Every structure is written in structure tokens, then in C-alpha cells.
């Protein structure tokens, strides 16, 4: 017979949901801040290039972003394997998505 304690499972799920919610909210806030910083930096580059103060190699800049995307996909695979525990993983994931959506 399967020994499952509903109290422990509920606490694991709830704890994972709370931690996931906080991390999801924080992740979205950091992503917004990074988008603003990167956007401002690209606007500054474009302005300086239009004033002929600076020459920007846009092809090399884009290649760096593609490389960062490949690295991020590797990290996501690692994250999926870490969340393999069902009760904590389900709670964390649902909390993260709720926190990210509300952020």
C-alpha cells in the first residue's frame, strides 16, 4: 500500500507555491528592468551612431544575443530536471506562474 501523508504533501505543495510565487514576481520585475536598461542602451548606441561618434557592428551584437538564447535553453533543461519532484515541483511551478503573471 502506498503511504502518502496528505498533510506533508500539502505543506510541500504550499511551500513550493509560495517560493515559486515570490521568485516568479521577482523574475518579472528583473526582466522589466533589464528590458528598460537594454532598450536605453540600444537607443544610445543608435543615437551615437547617427551622430557619427560611434560605429556599431550590429551583426556581432545580434550574434551575441543568439548565443545567449542557446545558453538559456541549456539552463531551462537543467531547471526541468531539478523540478522533477512532483509535489514541490507542481507547487513551485504554479506559484511561479501566478507570481510572474501578477508581477
PDB file of N, CA and C in Angstrom:
ATOM      1  N   UNK A   1       0.843  -1.180   0.000  1.00  0.00           N
ATOM      2  CA  UNK A   1       0.000   0.000   0.000  1.00  0.00           C
ATOM      3  C   UNK A   1       0.884   1.238   0.000  1.00  0.00           C
ATOM      4  N   UNK A   2       0.427   2.255  -0.644  1.00  0.00           N
ATOM      5  CA  UNK A   2       1.167   3.499  -0.775  1.00  0.00           C
ATOM      6  C   UNK A   2       0.952   4.356   0.462  1.00  0.00           C
ATOM      7  N   UNK A   3       2.053   4.755   1.083  1.00  0.00           N
ATOM      8  CA  UNK A   3       1.992   5.600   2.282  1.00  0.00           C
ATOM      9  C   UNK A   3       2.159   7.061   1.894  1.00  0.00           C
ATOM     10  N   UNK A   4       1.064   7.777   1.792  1.00  0.00           N
ATOM     11  CA  UNK A   4       1.099   9.198   1.438  1.00  0.00           C
ATOM     12  C   UNK A   4       0.418   9.970   2.549  1.00  0.00           C
ATOM     13  N   UNK A   5       1.167  10.892   3.133  1.00  0.00           N
ATOM     14  CA  UNK A   5       0.614  11.742   4.189  1.00  0.00           C
ATOM     15  C   UNK A   5       0.092  13.017   3.549  1.00  0.00           C
ATOM     16  N   UNK A   6      -1.211  13.252   3.557  1.00  0.00           N
ATOM     17  CA  UNK A   6      -1.765  14.434   2.896  1.00  0.00           C
ATOM     18  C   UNK A   6      -1.275  15.744   3.510  1.00  0.00           C
ATOM     19  N   UNK A   7      -0.988  15.743   4.803  1.00  0.00           N
ATOM     20  CA  UNK A   7      -0.509  16.967   5.445  1.00  0.00           C
ATOM     21  C   UNK A   7       0.867  17.348   4.913  1.00  0.00           C
ATOM     22  N   UNK A   8       1.761  16.362   4.840  1.00  0.00           N
ATOM     23  CA  UNK A   8       3.108  16.632   4.338  1.00  0.00           C
ATOM     24  C   UNK A   8       3.061  17.040   2.874  1.00  0.00           C
ATOM     25  N   UNK A   9       2.256  16.346   2.089  1.00  0.00           N
ATOM     26  CA  UNK A   9       2.134  16.682   0.673  1.00  0.00           C
ATOM     27  C   UNK A   9       1.571  18.085   0.499  1.00  0.00           C
ATOM     28  N   UNK A  10       0.580  18.447   1.298  1.00  0.00           N
ATOM     29  CA  UNK A  10       0.008  19.790   1.237  1.00  0.00           C
ATOM     30  C   UNK A  10       1.008  20.863   1.629  1.00  0.00           C
ATOM     31  N   UNK A  11       1.802  20.593   2.680  1.00  0.00           N
ATOM     32  CA  UNK A  11       2.823  21.560   3.092  1.00  0.00           C
ATOM     33  C   UNK A  11       3.902  21.716   2.033  1.00  0.00           C
ATOM     34  N   UNK A  12       4.307  20.602   1.416  1.00  0.00           N
ATOM     35  CA  UNK A  12       5.310  20.687   0.351  1.00  0.00           C
ATOM     36  C   UNK A  12       4.770  21.483  -0.835  1.00  0.00           C
ATOM     37  N   UNK A  13       3.516  21.193  -1.217  1.00  0.00           N
ATOM     38  CA  UNK A  13       2.904  21.915  -2.330  1.00  0.00           C
ATOM     39  C   UNK A  13       2.760  23.400  -1.998  1.00  0.00           C
ATOM     40  N   UNK A  14       2.254  23.713  -0.804  1.00  0.00           N
ATOM     41  CA  UNK A  14       2.075  25.108  -0.394  1.00  0.00           C
ATOM     42  C   UNK A  14       3.388  25.861  -0.289  1.00  0.00           C
ATOM     43  N   UNK A  15       4.387  25.209   0.297  1.00  0.00           N
ATOM     44  CA  UNK A  15       5.703  25.848   0.399  1.00  0.00           C
ATOM     45  C   UNK A  15       6.305  26.113  -0.963  1.00  0.00           C
ATOM     46  N   UNK A  16       6.188  25.134  -1.850  1.00  0.00           N
ATOM     47  CA  UNK A  16       6.684  25.328  -3.212  1.00  0.00           C
ATOM     48  C   UNK A  16       5.944  26.432  -3.929  1.00  0.00           C
ATOM     49  N   UNK A  17       4.626  26.528  -3.708  1.00  0.00           N
ATOM     50  CA  UNK A  17       3.827  27.570  -4.356  1.00  0.00           C
ATOM     51  C   UNK A  17       4.226  28.957  -3.866  1.00  0.00           C
ATOM     52  N   UNK A  18       4.454  29.097  -2.573  1.00  0.00           N
ATOM     53  CA  UNK A  18       4.850  30.404  -2.027  1.00  0.00           C
ATOM     54  C   UNK A  18       6.214  30.822  -2.565  1.00  0.00           C
ATOM     55  N   UNK A  19       7.175  29.906  -2.521  1.00  0.00           N
ATOM     56  CA  UNK A  19       8.518  30.219  -3.029  1.00  0.00           C
ATOM     57  C   UNK A  19       8.464  30.512  -4.521  1.00  0.00           C
ATOM     58  N   UNK A  20       7.705  29.714  -5.258  1.00  0.00           N
ATOM     59  CA  UNK A  20       7.570  29.945  -6.690  1.00  0.00           C
ATOM     60  C   UNK A  20       6.909  31.276  -6.999  1.00  0.00           C
ATOM     61  N   UNK A  21       5.898  31.643  -6.227  1.00  0.00           N
ATOM     62  CA  UNK A  21       5.229  32.922  -6.437  1.00  0.00           C
ATOM     63  C   UNK A  21       6.163  34.101  -6.221  1.00  0.00           C
ATOM     64  N   UNK A  22       6.941  34.036  -5.158  1.00  0.00           N
ATOM     65  CA  UNK A  22       7.891  35.120  -4.872  1.00  0.00           C
ATOM     66  C   UNK A  22       8.949  35.201  -5.970  1.00  0.00           C
ATOM     67  N   UNK A  23       9.492  34.053  -6.371  1.00  0.00           N
ATOM     68  CA  UNK A  23      10.511  34.060  -7.418  1.00  0.00           C
ATOM     69  C   UNK A  23       9.938  34.481  -8.769  1.00  0.00           C
ATOM     70  N   UNK A  24       8.705  34.079  -9.069  1.00  0.00           N
ATOM     71  CA  UNK A  24       8.080  34.492 -10.317  1.00  0.00           C
ATOM     72  C   UNK A  24       7.880  35.998 -10.372  1.00  0.00           C
ATOM     73  N   UNK A  25       7.407  36.571  -9.278  1.00  0.00           N
ATOM     74  CA  UNK A  25       7.215  38.020  -9.201  1.00  0.00           C
ATOM     75  C   UNK A  25       8.546  38.741  -9.365  1.00  0.00           C
ATOM     76  N   UNK A  26       9.569  38.272  -8.645  1.00  0.00           N
ATOM     77  CA  UNK A  26      10.891  38.910  -8.721  1.00  0.00           C
ATOM     78  C   UNK A  26      11.487  38.779 -10.120  1.00  0.00           C
ATOM     79  N   UNK A  27      11.310  37.620 -10.739  1.00  0.00           N
ATOM     80  CA  UNK A  27      11.846  37.405 -12.080  1.00  0.00           C
ATOM     81  C   UNK A  27      11.242  38.385 -13.074  1.00  0.00           C
ATOM     82  N   UNK A  28       9.944  38.587 -12.988  1.00  0.00           N
ATOM     83  CA  UNK A  28       9.298  39.508 -13.922  1.00  0.00           C
ATOM     84  C   UNK A  28       9.778  40.944 -13.692  1.00  0.00           C
ATOM     85  N   UNK A  29       9.959  41.332 -12.438  1.00  0.00           N
ATOM     86  CA  UNK A  29      10.428  42.690 -12.158  1.00  0.00           C
ATOM     87  C   UNK A  29      11.845  42.896 -12.685  1.00  0.00           C
ATOM     88  N   UNK A  30      12.702  41.901 -12.507  1.00  0.00           N
ATOM     89  CA  UNK A  30      14.071  41.999 -13.013  1.00  0.00           C
ATOM     90  C   UNK A  30      14.063  42.021 -14.535  1.00  0.00           C
ATOM     91  N   UNK A  31      13.202  41.217 -15.157  1.00  0.00           N
ATOM     92  CA  UNK A  31      13.113  41.198 -16.621  1.00  0.00           C
ATOM     93  C   UNK A  31      12.674  42.556 -17.158  1.00  0.00           C
ATOM     94  N   UNK A  32      11.730  43.189 -16.487  1.00  0.00           N
ATOM     95  CA  UNK A  32      11.287  44.530 -16.904  1.00  0.00           C
ATOM     96  C   UNK A  32      12.439  45.526 -16.808  1.00  0.00           C
ATOM     97  N   UNK A  33      13.163  45.475 -15.702  1.00  0.00           N
ATOM     98  CA  UNK A  33      14.286  46.393 -15.512  1.00  0.00           C
ATOM     99  C   UNK A  33      15.358  46.169 -16.575  1.00  0.00           C
ATOM    100  N   UNK A  34      15.680  44.906 -16.861  1.00  0.00           N
ATOM    101  CA  UNK A  34      16.677  44.615 -17.884  1.00  0.00           C
ATOM    102  C   UNK A  34      16.222  45.082 -19.261  1.00  0.00           C
ATOM    103  N   UNK A  35      14.943  44.928 -19.564  1.00  0.00           N
ATOM    104  CA  UNK A  35      14.427  45.384 -20.852  1.00  0.00           C
ATOM    105  C   UNK A  35      14.577  46.895 -20.988  1.00  0.00           C
ATOM    106  N   UNK A  36      14.323  47.614 -19.922  1.00  0.00           N
ATOM    107  CA  UNK A  36      14.468  49.077 -19.954  1.00  0.00           C
ATOM    108  C   UNK A  36      15.927  49.464 -20.138  1.00  0.00           C
ATOM    109  N   UNK A  37      16.821  48.824 -19.394  1.00  0.00           N
ATOM    110  CA  UNK A  37      18.253  49.149 -19.485  1.00  0.00           C
ATOM    111  C   UNK A  37      18.792  48.832 -20.874  1.00  0.00           C
ATOM    112  N   UNK A  38      18.462  47.655 -21.399  1.00  0.00           N
ATOM    113  CA  UNK A  38      18.955  47.265 -22.722  1.00  0.00           C
ATOM    114  C   UNK A  38      18.362  48.162 -23.803  1.00  0.00           C
ATOM    115  N   UNK A  39      17.070  48.486 -23.682  1.00  0.00           N
ATOM    116  CA  UNK A  39      16.451  49.381 -24.653  1.00  0.00           C
ATOM    117  C   UNK A  39      17.092  50.759 -24.655  1.00  0.00           C
ATOM    118  N   UNK A  40      17.357  51.303 -23.470  1.00  0.00           N
ATOM    119  CA  UNK A  40      18.009  52.615 -23.377  1.00  0.00           C
ATOM    120  C   UNK A  40      19.414  52.565 -23.967  1.00  0.00           C
ATOM    121  N   UNK A  41      20.113  51.468 -23.714  1.00  0.00           N
ATOM    122  CA  UNK A  41      21.467  51.331 -24.235  1.00  0.00           C
ATOM    123  C   UNK A  41      21.457  51.249 -25.766  1.00  0.00           C
ATOM    124  N   UNK A  42      20.528  50.490 -26.329  1.00  0.00           N
ATOM    125  CA  UNK A  42      20.439  50.397 -27.785  1.00  0.00           C
ATOM    126  C   UNK A  42      20.049  51.737 -28.406  1.00  0.00           C
ATOM    127  N   UNK A  43      19.173  52.487 -27.741  1.00  0.00           N
ATOM    128  CA  UNK A  43      18.810  53.817 -28.237  1.00  0.00           C
ATOM    129  C   UNK A  43      20.028  54.745 -28.202  1.00  0.00           C
ATOM    130  N   UNK A  44      20.817  54.650 -27.141  1.00  0.00           N
ATOM    131  CA  UNK A  44      22.028  55.474 -27.049  1.00  0.00           C
ATOM    132  C   UNK A  44      23.015  55.102 -28.153  1.00  0.00           C
ATOM    133  N   UNK A  45      23.179  53.790 -28.393  1.00  0.00           N
ATOM    134  CA  UNK A  45      24.063  53.360 -29.480  1.00  0.00           C
ATOM    135  C   UNK A  45      23.591  53.903 -30.822  1.00  0.00           C
ATOM    136  N   UNK A  46      22.280  53.812 -31.066  1.00  0.00           N
ATOM    137  CA  UNK A  46      21.724  54.278 -32.336  1.00  0.00           C
ATOM    138  C   UNK A  46      21.927  55.790 -32.480  1.00  0.00           C
ATOM    139  N   UNK A  47      21.731  56.540 -31.409  1.00  0.00           N
ATOM    140  CA  UNK A  47      21.930  57.987 -31.458  1.00  0.00           C
ATOM    141  C   UNK A  47      23.395  58.326 -31.729  1.00  0.00           C
ATOM    142  N   UNK A  48      24.294  57.676 -30.982  1.00  0.00           N
ATOM    143  CA  UNK A  48      25.719  57.954 -31.175  1.00  0.00           C
ATOM    144  C   UNK A  48      26.183  57.556 -32.567  1.00  0.00           C
ATOM    145  N   UNK A  49      25.588  56.509 -33.110  1.00  0.00           N
ATOM    146  CA  UNK A  49      25.931  56.106 -34.471  1.00  0.00           C
ATOM    147  C   UNK A  49      25.402  57.124 -35.488  1.00  0.00           C
ATOM    148  N   UNK A  50      24.223  57.665 -35.254  1.00  0.00           N
ATOM    149  CA  UNK A  50      23.669  58.663 -36.183  1.00  0.00           C
ATOM    150  C   UNK A  50      24.468  59.967 -36.146  1.00  0.00           C
ATOM    151  N   UNK A  51      25.091  60.264 -35.024  1.00  0.00           N
ATOM    152  CA  UNK A  51      25.928  61.458 -34.896  1.00  0.00           C
ATOM    153  C   UNK A  51      27.365  61.206 -35.348  1.00  0.00           C
ATOM    154  N   UNK A  52      27.621  59.981 -35.821  1.00  0.00           N
ATOM    155  CA  UNK A  52      28.939  59.545 -36.283  1.00  0.00           C
ATOM    156  C   UNK A  52      30.004  59.657 -35.201  1.00  0.00           C
ATOM    157  N   UNK A  53      29.599  59.439 -33.975  1.00  0.00           N
ATOM    158  CA  UNK A  53      30.524  59.413 -32.845  1.00  0.00           C
ATOM    159  C   UNK A  53      31.037  57.991 -32.622  1.00  0.00           C
ATOM    160  N   UNK A  54      30.241  57.049 -33.028  1.00  0.00           N
ATOM    161  CA  UNK A  54      30.485  55.648 -32.713  1.00  0.00           C
ATOM    162  C   UNK A  54      30.041  54.795 -33.888  1.00  0.00           C
ATOM    163  N   UNK A  55      30.742  53.678 -34.129  1.00  0.00           N
ATOM    164  CA  UNK A  55      30.337  52.721 -35.154  1.00  0.00           C
ATOM    165  C   UNK A  55      29.957  51.430 -34.439  1.00  0.00           C
ATOM    166  N   UNK A  56      28.740  50.966 -34.688  1.00  0.00           N
ATOM    167  CA  UNK A  56      28.237  49.759 -34.033  1.00  0.00           C
ATOM    168  C   UNK A  56      28.147  48.644 -35.069  1.00  0.00           C
ATOM    169  N   UNK A  57      28.759  47.506 -34.762  1.00  0.00           N
ATOM    170  CA  UNK A  57      28.653  46.330 -35.620  1.00  0.00           C
ATOM    171  C   UNK A  57      27.415  45.554 -35.174  1.00  0.00           C
ATOM    172  N   UNK A  58      26.275  45.818 -35.812  1.00  0.00           N
ATOM    173  CA  UNK A  58      25.003  45.239 -35.397  1.00  0.00           C
ATOM    174  C   UNK A  58      24.968  43.727 -35.595  1.00  0.00           C
ATOM    175  N   UNK A  59      25.703  43.219 -36.589  1.00  0.00           N
ATOM    176  CA  UNK A  59      25.740  41.768 -36.807  1.00  0.00           C
ATOM    177  C   UNK A  59      26.393  41.040 -35.638  1.00  0.00           C
ATOM    178  N   UNK A  60      27.490  41.574 -35.140  1.00  0.00           N
ATOM    179  CA  UNK A  60      28.151  40.945 -33.994  1.00  0.00           C
ATOM    180  C   UNK A  60      27.298  41.065 -32.741  1.00  0.00           C
ATOM    181  N   UNK A  61      26.609  42.181 -32.596  1.00  0.00           N
ATOM    182  CA  UNK A  61      25.738  42.379 -31.441  1.00  0.00           C
ATOM    183  C   UNK A  61      24.593  41.371 -31.456  1.00  0.00           C
ATOM    184  N   UNK A  62      24.010  41.126 -32.598  1.00  0.00           N
ATOM    185  CA  UNK A  62      22.930  40.157 -32.729  1.00  0.00           C
ATOM    186  C   UNK A  62      23.429  38.738 -32.488  1.00  0.00           C
ATOM    187  N   UNK A  63      24.615  38.420 -32.950  1.00  0.00           N
ATOM    188  CA  UNK A  63      25.166  37.070 -32.742  1.00  0.00           C
ATOM    189  C   UNK A  63      25.350  36.783 -31.262  1.00  0.00           C
ATOM    190  N   UNK A  64      25.700  37.769 -30.496  1.00  0.00           N
ATOM    191  CA  UNK A  64      25.830  37.587 -29.059  1.00  0.00           C
ATOM    192  C   UNK A  64      24.492  37.272 -28.409  1.00  0.00           C
ATOM    193  N   UNK A  65      23.430  37.893 -28.879  1.00  0.00           N
ATOM    194  CA  UNK A  65      22.105  37.622 -28.332  1.00  0.00           C
ATOM    195  C   UNK A  65      21.642  36.219 -28.674  1.00  0.00           C
ATOM    196  N   UNK A  66      21.964  35.737 -29.869  1.00  0.00           N
ATOM    197  CA  UNK A  66      21.597  34.375 -30.252  1.00  0.00           C
ATOM    198  C   UNK A  66      22.345  33.374 -29.378  1.00  0.00           C
ATOM    199  N   UNK A  67      23.611  33.631 -29.090  1.00  0.00           N
ATOM    200  CA  UNK A  67      24.381  32.752 -28.213  1.00  0.00           C
ATOM    201  C   UNK A  67      23.818  32.726 -26.807  1.00  0.00           C
ATOM    202  N   UNK A  68      23.326  33.852 -26.331  1.00  0.00           N
ATOM    203  CA  UNK A  68      22.724  33.907 -25.002  1.00  0.00           C
ATOM    204  C   UNK A  68      21.438  33.103 -24.957  1.00  0.00           C
ATOM    205  N   UNK A  69      20.688  33.090 -26.046  1.00  0.00           N
ATOM    206  CA  UNK A  69      19.452  32.315 -26.101  1.00  0.00           C
ATOM    207  C   UNK A  69      19.751  30.824 -26.017  1.00  0.00           C
ATOM    208  N   UNK A  70      20.792  30.359 -26.699  1.00  0.00           N
ATOM    209  CA  UNK A  70      21.160  28.940 -26.647  1.00  0.00           C
ATOM    210  C   UNK A  70      21.575  28.555 -25.232  1.00  0.00           C
ATOM    211  N   UNK A  71      22.311  29.436 -24.551  1.00  0.00           N
ATOM    212  CA  UNK A  71      22.736  29.166 -23.178  1.00  0.00           C
ATOM    213  C   UNK A  71      21.530  29.106 -22.245  1.00  0.00           C
ATOM    214  N   UNK A  72      20.561  29.967 -22.474  1.00  0.00           N
ATOM    215  CA  UNK A  72      19.361  29.981 -21.636  1.00  0.00           C
ATOM    216  C   UNK A  72      18.567  28.694 -21.808  1.00  0.00           C
ATOM    217  N   UNK A  73      18.536  28.145 -23.019  1.00  0.00           N
ATOM    218  CA  UNK A  73      17.821  26.893 -23.247  1.00  0.00           C
ATOM    219  C   UNK A  73      18.485  25.746 -22.500  1.00  0.00           C
ATOM    220  N   UNK A  74      19.815  25.755 -22.403  1.00  0.00           N
ATOM    221  CA  UNK A  74      20.512  24.733 -21.626  1.00  0.00           C
ATOM    222  C   UNK A  74      20.149  24.844 -20.151  1.00  0.00           C
ATOM    223  N   UNK A  75      20.032  26.068 -19.642  1.00  0.00           N
ATOM    224  CA  UNK A  75      19.674  26.278 -18.247  1.00  0.00           C
ATOM    225  C   UNK A  75      18.251  25.818 -17.965  1.00  0.00           C
ATOM    226  N   UNK A  76      17.346  25.995 -18.914  1.00  0.00           N
ATOM    227  CA  UNK A  76      15.966  25.561 -18.727  1.00  0.00           C
ATOM    228  C   UNK A  76      15.902  24.050 -18.615  1.00  0.00           C
ATOM    229  N   UNK A  77      16.711  23.338 -19.406  1.00  0.00           N
ATOM    230  CA  UNK A  77      16.737  21.873 -19.317  1.00  0.00           C
ATOM    231  C   UNK A  77      17.194  21.451 -17.921  1.00  0.00           C
ATOM    232  N   UNK A  78      18.183  22.125 -17.361  1.00  0.00           N
ATOM    233  CA  UNK A  78      18.671  21.814 -16.013  1.00  0.00           C
ATOM    234  C   UNK A  78      17.575  22.084 -14.990  1.00  0.00           C
ATOM    235  N   UNK A  79      16.853  23.171 -15.170  1.00  0.00           N
ATOM    236  CA  UNK A  79      15.783  23.530 -14.247  1.00  0.00           C
ATOM    237  C   UNK A  79      14.669  22.491 -14.269  1.00  0.00           C
ATOM    238  N   UNK A  80      14.352  21.972 -15.449  1.00  0.00           N
ATOM    239  CA  UNK A  80      13.308  20.956 -15.551  1.00  0.00           C
ATOM    240  C   UNK A  80      13.685  19.700 -14.771  1.00  0.00           C
ATOM    241  N   UNK A  81      14.949  19.313 -14.831  1.00  0.00           N
ATOM    242  CA  UNK A  81      15.357  18.109 -14.095  1.00  0.00           C
ATOM    243  C   UNK A  81      15.329  18.344 -12.585  1.00  0.00           C
ATOM    244  N   UNK A  82      15.570  19.577 -12.151  1.00  0.00           N
ATOM    245  CA  UNK A  82      15.533  19.879 -10.723  1.00  0.00           C
ATOM    246  C   UNK A  82      14.106  19.878 -10.173  1.00  0.00           C
ATOM    247  N   UNK A  83      13.144  20.170 -11.012  1.00  0.00           N
ATOM    248  CA  UNK A  83      11.750  20.235 -10.568  1.00  0.00           C
ATOM    249  C   UNK A  83      11.019  18.912 -10.773  1.00  0.00           C
ATOM    250  N   UNK A  84      11.772  17.821 -10.775  1.00  0.00           N
ATOM    251  CA  UNK A  84      11.161  16.527 -11.052  1.00  0.00           C
ATOM    252  C   UNK A  84      10.349  15.994  -9.870  1.00  0.00           C
ATOM    253  N   UNK A  85      10.561  16.510  -8.689  1.00  0.00           N
ATOM    254  CA  UNK A  85       9.753  16.073  -7.546  1.00  0.00           C
ATOM    255  C   UNK A  85       8.352  16.645  -7.724  1.00  0.00           C
ATOM    256  N   UNK A  86       7.361  15.787  -7.696  1.00  0.00           N
ATOM    257  CA  UNK A  86       6.007  16.162  -8.095  1.00  0.00           C
ATOM    258  C   UNK A  86       5.376  17.187  -7.166  1.00  0.00           C
ATOM    259  N   UNK A  87       5.306  16.943  -5.881  1.00  0.00           N
ATOM    260  CA  UNK A  87       4.559  17.846  -5.007  1.00  0.00           C
ATOM    261  C   UNK A  87       5.216  19.218  -4.908  1.00  0.00           C
ATOM    262  N   UNK A  88       6.520  19.250  -4.700  1.00  0.00           N
ATOM    263  CA  UNK A  88       7.218  20.536  -4.596  1.00  0.00           C
ATOM    264  C   UNK A  88       7.266  21.201  -5.958  1.00  0.00           C
ATOM    265  N   UNK A  89       7.514  20.417  -6.993  1.00  0.00           N
ATOM    266  CA  UNK A  89       7.613  20.961  -8.347  1.00  0.00           C
ATOM    267  C   UNK A  89       6.309  21.566  -8.824  1.00  0.00           C
ATOM    268  N   UNK A  90       5.197  20.876  -8.568  1.00  0.00           N
ATOM    269  CA  UNK A  90       3.893  21.394  -9.002  1.00  0.00           C
ATOM    270  C   UNK A  90       3.547  22.673  -8.252  1.00  0.00           C
ATOM    271  N   UNK A  91       3.803  22.699  -6.967  1.00  0.00           N
ATOM    272  CA  UNK A  91       3.538  23.900  -6.184  1.00  0.00           C
ATOM    273  C   UNK A  91       4.403  25.065  -6.618  1.00  0.00           C
ATOM    274  N   UNK A  92       5.685  24.785  -6.822  1.00  0.00           N
ATOM    275  CA  UNK A  92       6.616  25.822  -7.243  1.00  0.00           C
ATOM    276  C   UNK A  92       6.212  26.387  -8.601  1.00  0.00           C
ATOM    277  N   UNK A  93       5.912  25.496  -9.539  1.00  0.00           N
ATOM    278  CA  UNK A  93       5.572  25.932 -10.887  1.00  0.00           C
ATOM    279  C   UNK A  93       4.300  26.769 -10.901  1.00  0.00           C
ATOM    280  N   UNK A  94       3.275  26.304 -10.208  1.00  0.00           N
ATOM    281  CA  UNK A  94       2.024  27.075 -10.198  1.00  0.00           C
ATOM    282  C   UNK A  94       2.226  28.412  -9.499  1.00  0.00           C
ATOM    283  N   UNK A  95       2.957  28.432  -8.396  1.00  0.00           N
ATOM    284  CA  UNK A  95       3.228  29.691  -7.703  1.00  0.00           C
ATOM    285  C   UNK A  95       4.070  30.631  -8.538  1.00  0.00           C
ATOM    286  N   UNK A  96       5.051  30.079  -9.248  1.00  0.00           N
ATOM    287  CA  UNK A  96       5.917  30.903 -10.097  1.00  0.00           C
ATOM    288  C   UNK A  96       5.098  31.553 -11.205  1.00  0.00           C
ATOM    289  N   UNK A  97       4.228  30.769 -11.850  1.00  0.00           N
ATOM    290  CA  UNK A  97       3.419  31.320 -12.931  1.00  0.00           C
ATOM    291  C   UNK A  97       2.444  32.377 -12.425  1.00  0.00           C
ATOM    292  N   UNK A  98       1.854  32.158 -11.268  1.00  0.00           N
ATOM    293  CA  UNK A  98       0.946  33.155 -10.701  1.00  0.00           C
ATOM    294  C   UNK A  98       1.711  34.421 -10.337  1.00  0.00           C
ATOM    295  N   UNK A  99       2.865  34.257  -9.677  1.00  0.00           N
ATOM    296  CA  UNK A  99       3.671  35.422  -9.310  1.00  0.00           C
ATOM    297  C   UNK A  99       4.184  36.172 -10.530  1.00  0.00           C
ATOM    298  N   UNK A 100       4.568  35.440 -11.568  1.00  0.00           N
ATOM    299  CA  UNK A 100       5.057  36.076 -12.790  1.00  0.00           C
ATOM    300  C   UNK A 100       3.923  36.823 -13.485  1.00  0.00           C
ATOM    301  N   UNK A 101       2.757  36.216 -13.508  1.00  0.00           N
ATOM    302  CA  UNK A 101       1.607  36.850 -14.161  1.00  0.00           C
ATOM    303  C   UNK A 101       1.173  38.096 -13.413  1.00  0.00           C
ATOM    304  N   UNK A 102       1.201  38.076 -12.095  1.00  0.00           N
ATOM    305  CA  UNK A 102       0.761  39.219 -11.290  1.00  0.00           C
ATOM    306  C   UNK A 102       1.823  40.309 -11.219  1.00  0.00           C
ATOM    307  N   UNK A 103       3.085  39.959 -11.485  1.00  0.00           N
ATOM    308  CA  UNK A 103       4.191  40.913 -11.397  1.00  0.00           C
ATOM    309  C   UNK A 103       4.117  41.904 -12.457  1.00  0.00           C
TER     310      UNK A 103
END
